[in-house]
């Protein structure tokens, strides 16, 4: 490959990365107008102390959290599945 062609390809690739980095916020805003940070702050402000405290004190949760559960994995994922509006978001 000639040096001229190589330089032009590299220049084009660099320019595309710069353009993509510049346009990324605009593209994300177009895809979703929701701002997760703003939403998180709203939810955080509405939380009430001790919501879901009973759940966090169960033996099942404690063994998962401590990594002492029957699966023996300290990298297990906790998946909370419930209907909308039951309070999953507000558990502290």
C-alpha atoms as a PDB file:
ATOM      1  CA  UNK A   1       0.000   0.000   0.000  1.00  0.00           C
ATOM      2  CA  UNK A   2       1.406   3.358  -0.880  1.00  0.00           C
ATOM      3  CA  UNK A   3       2.233   5.838   1.854  1.00  0.00           C
ATOM      4  CA  UNK A   4      -0.196   8.346   0.311  1.00  0.00           C
ATOM      5  CA  UNK A   5      -3.110   5.878   0.475  1.00  0.00           C
ATOM      6  CA  UNK A   6      -2.130   4.771   3.979  1.00  0.00           C
ATOM      7  CA  UNK A   7      -2.051   8.382   5.238  1.00  0.00           C
ATOM      8  CA  UNK A   8      -5.428   9.159   3.647  1.00  0.00           C
ATOM      9  CA  UNK A   9      -7.040   6.083   5.212  1.00  0.00           C
ATOM     10  CA  UNK A  10      -5.634   6.922   8.646  1.00  0.00           C
ATOM     11  CA  UNK A  11      -6.742  10.532   8.294  1.00  0.00           C
ATOM     12  CA  UNK A  12     -10.237   9.429   7.315  1.00  0.00           C
ATOM     13  CA  UNK A  13     -10.474   6.996  10.231  1.00  0.00           C
ATOM     14  CA  UNK A  14      -9.264   9.655  12.681  1.00  0.00           C
ATOM     15  CA  UNK A  15     -11.766  12.150  11.324  1.00  0.00           C
ATOM     16  CA  UNK A  16     -14.593   9.616  11.725  1.00  0.00           C
ATOM     17  CA  UNK A  17     -13.658   8.999  15.366  1.00  0.00           C
ATOM     18  CA  UNK A  18     -13.626  12.740  16.055  1.00  0.00           C
ATOM     19  CA  UNK A  19     -16.988  13.195  14.341  1.00  0.00           C
ATOM     20  CA  UNK A  20     -18.481  10.240  16.190  1.00  0.00           C
ATOM     21  CA  UNK A  21     -17.208  11.536  19.550  1.00  0.00           C
ATOM     22  CA  UNK A  22     -18.628  14.972  18.802  1.00  0.00           C
ATOM     23  CA  UNK A  23     -22.010  13.630  17.674  1.00  0.00           C
ATOM     24  CA  UNK A  24     -22.367  10.947  20.359  1.00  0.00           C
ATOM     25  CA  UNK A  25     -24.332  13.116  22.851  1.00  0.00           C
ATOM     26  CA  UNK A  26     -26.646  14.290  20.075  1.00  0.00           C
ATOM     27  CA  UNK A  27     -27.243  10.745  18.863  1.00  0.00           C
ATOM     28  CA  UNK A  28     -27.957   9.509  22.395  1.00  0.00           C
ATOM     29  CA  UNK A  29     -30.382  12.384  22.999  1.00  0.00           C
ATOM     30  CA  UNK A  30     -32.128  11.510  19.754  1.00  0.00           C
ATOM     31  CA  UNK A  31     -32.385   7.827  20.697  1.00  0.00           C
ATOM     32  CA  UNK A  32     -33.776   8.568  24.132  1.00  0.00           C
ATOM     33  CA  UNK A  33     -34.600  11.940  25.614  1.00  0.00           C
ATOM     34  CA  UNK A  34     -34.456  10.397  29.096  1.00  0.00           C
ATOM     35  CA  UNK A  35     -31.465  11.332  31.212  1.00  0.00           C
ATOM     36  CA  UNK A  36     -30.747   8.429  33.620  1.00  0.00           C
ATOM     37  CA  UNK A  37     -28.875  10.677  36.049  1.00  0.00           C
ATOM     38  CA  UNK A  38     -31.831  13.035  36.376  1.00  0.00           C
ATOM     39  CA  UNK A  39     -34.230  10.118  36.821  1.00  0.00           C
ATOM     40  CA  UNK A  40     -31.954   8.560  39.467  1.00  0.00           C
ATOM     41  CA  UNK A  41     -31.802  11.852  41.392  1.00  0.00           C
ATOM     42  CA  UNK A  42     -35.624  12.098  41.339  1.00  0.00           C
ATOM     43  CA  UNK A  43     -36.038   8.565  42.662  1.00  0.00           C
ATOM     44  CA  UNK A  44     -33.323   9.089  45.252  1.00  0.00           C
ATOM     45  CA  UNK A  45     -35.068  12.225  46.534  1.00  0.00           C
ATOM     46  CA  UNK A  46     -38.368  10.355  46.915  1.00  0.00           C
ATOM     47  CA  UNK A  47     -36.946   7.431  48.903  1.00  0.00           C
ATOM     48  CA  UNK A  48     -38.163   6.864  52.432  1.00  0.00           C
ATOM     49  CA  UNK A  49     -35.948   5.312  55.095  1.00  0.00           C
ATOM     50  CA  UNK A  50     -36.397   1.601  55.789  1.00  0.00           C
ATOM     51  CA  UNK A  51     -38.478   0.829  52.684  1.00  0.00           C
ATOM     52  CA  UNK A  52     -37.765  -2.812  51.936  1.00  0.00           C
ATOM     53  CA  UNK A  53     -35.751  -3.148  55.144  1.00  0.00           C
ATOM     54  CA  UNK A  54     -37.505  -6.442  55.881  1.00  0.00           C
ATOM     55  CA  UNK A  55     -36.168  -7.855  52.614  1.00  0.00           C
ATOM     56  CA  UNK A  56     -32.606  -6.759  53.276  1.00  0.00           C
ATOM     57  CA  UNK A  57     -32.701  -8.520  56.648  1.00  0.00           C
ATOM     58  CA  UNK A  58     -33.846 -11.922  55.363  1.00  0.00           C
ATOM     59  CA  UNK A  59     -31.472 -14.850  55.633  1.00  0.00           C
ATOM     60  CA  UNK A  60     -31.691 -15.436  51.886  1.00  0.00           C
ATOM     61  CA  UNK A  61     -30.559 -11.906  51.056  1.00  0.00           C
ATOM     62  CA  UNK A  62     -27.837 -11.908  53.730  1.00  0.00           C
ATOM     63  CA  UNK A  63     -26.352 -15.169  52.471  1.00  0.00           C
ATOM     64  CA  UNK A  64     -26.399 -13.832  48.905  1.00  0.00           C
ATOM     65  CA  UNK A  65     -24.833 -10.531  49.985  1.00  0.00           C
ATOM     66  CA  UNK A  66     -22.124 -12.210  52.085  1.00  0.00           C
ATOM     67  CA  UNK A  67     -21.398 -14.766  49.374  1.00  0.00           C
ATOM     68  CA  UNK A  68     -22.077 -17.572  51.840  1.00  0.00           C
ATOM     69  CA  UNK A  69     -25.090 -18.964  49.983  1.00  0.00           C
ATOM     70  CA  UNK A  70     -25.444 -22.501  48.722  1.00  0.00           C
ATOM     71  CA  UNK A  71     -24.100 -21.571  45.274  1.00  0.00           C
ATOM     72  CA  UNK A  72     -20.834 -20.385  46.836  1.00  0.00           C
ATOM     73  CA  UNK A  73     -20.376 -17.650  44.282  1.00  0.00           C
ATOM     74  CA  UNK A  74     -19.444 -14.151  45.363  1.00  0.00           C
ATOM     75  CA  UNK A  75     -20.264 -12.796  41.919  1.00  0.00           C
ATOM     76  CA  UNK A  76     -23.882 -13.939  41.710  1.00  0.00           C
ATOM     77  CA  UNK A  77     -26.436 -11.516  40.317  1.00  0.00           C
ATOM     78  CA  UNK A  78     -29.508 -10.553  42.294  1.00  0.00           C
ATOM     79  CA  UNK A  79     -32.563 -10.326  40.056  1.00  0.00           C
ATOM     80  CA  UNK A  80     -35.692  -8.742  41.518  1.00  0.00           C
ATOM     81  CA  UNK A  81     -38.782  -9.516  39.502  1.00  0.00           C
ATOM     82  CA  UNK A  82     -42.102  -7.966  40.480  1.00  0.00           C
ATOM     83  CA  UNK A  83     -44.947  -5.922  39.067  1.00  0.00           C
ATOM     84  CA  UNK A  84     -44.534  -2.223  38.345  1.00  0.00           C
ATOM     85  CA  UNK A  85     -45.104   0.077  41.267  1.00  0.00           C
ATOM     86  CA  UNK A  86     -44.400  -2.368  44.085  1.00  0.00           C
ATOM     87  CA  UNK A  87     -41.303  -0.524  45.308  1.00  0.00           C
ATOM     88  CA  UNK A  88     -38.253  -2.281  43.859  1.00  0.00           C
ATOM     89  CA  UNK A  89     -36.691   1.038  42.900  1.00  0.00           C
ATOM     90  CA  UNK A  90     -37.080   2.441  46.399  1.00  0.00           C
ATOM     91  CA  UNK A  91     -35.354  -0.335  48.372  1.00  0.00           C
ATOM     92  CA  UNK A  92     -32.359   1.086  50.207  1.00  0.00           C
END
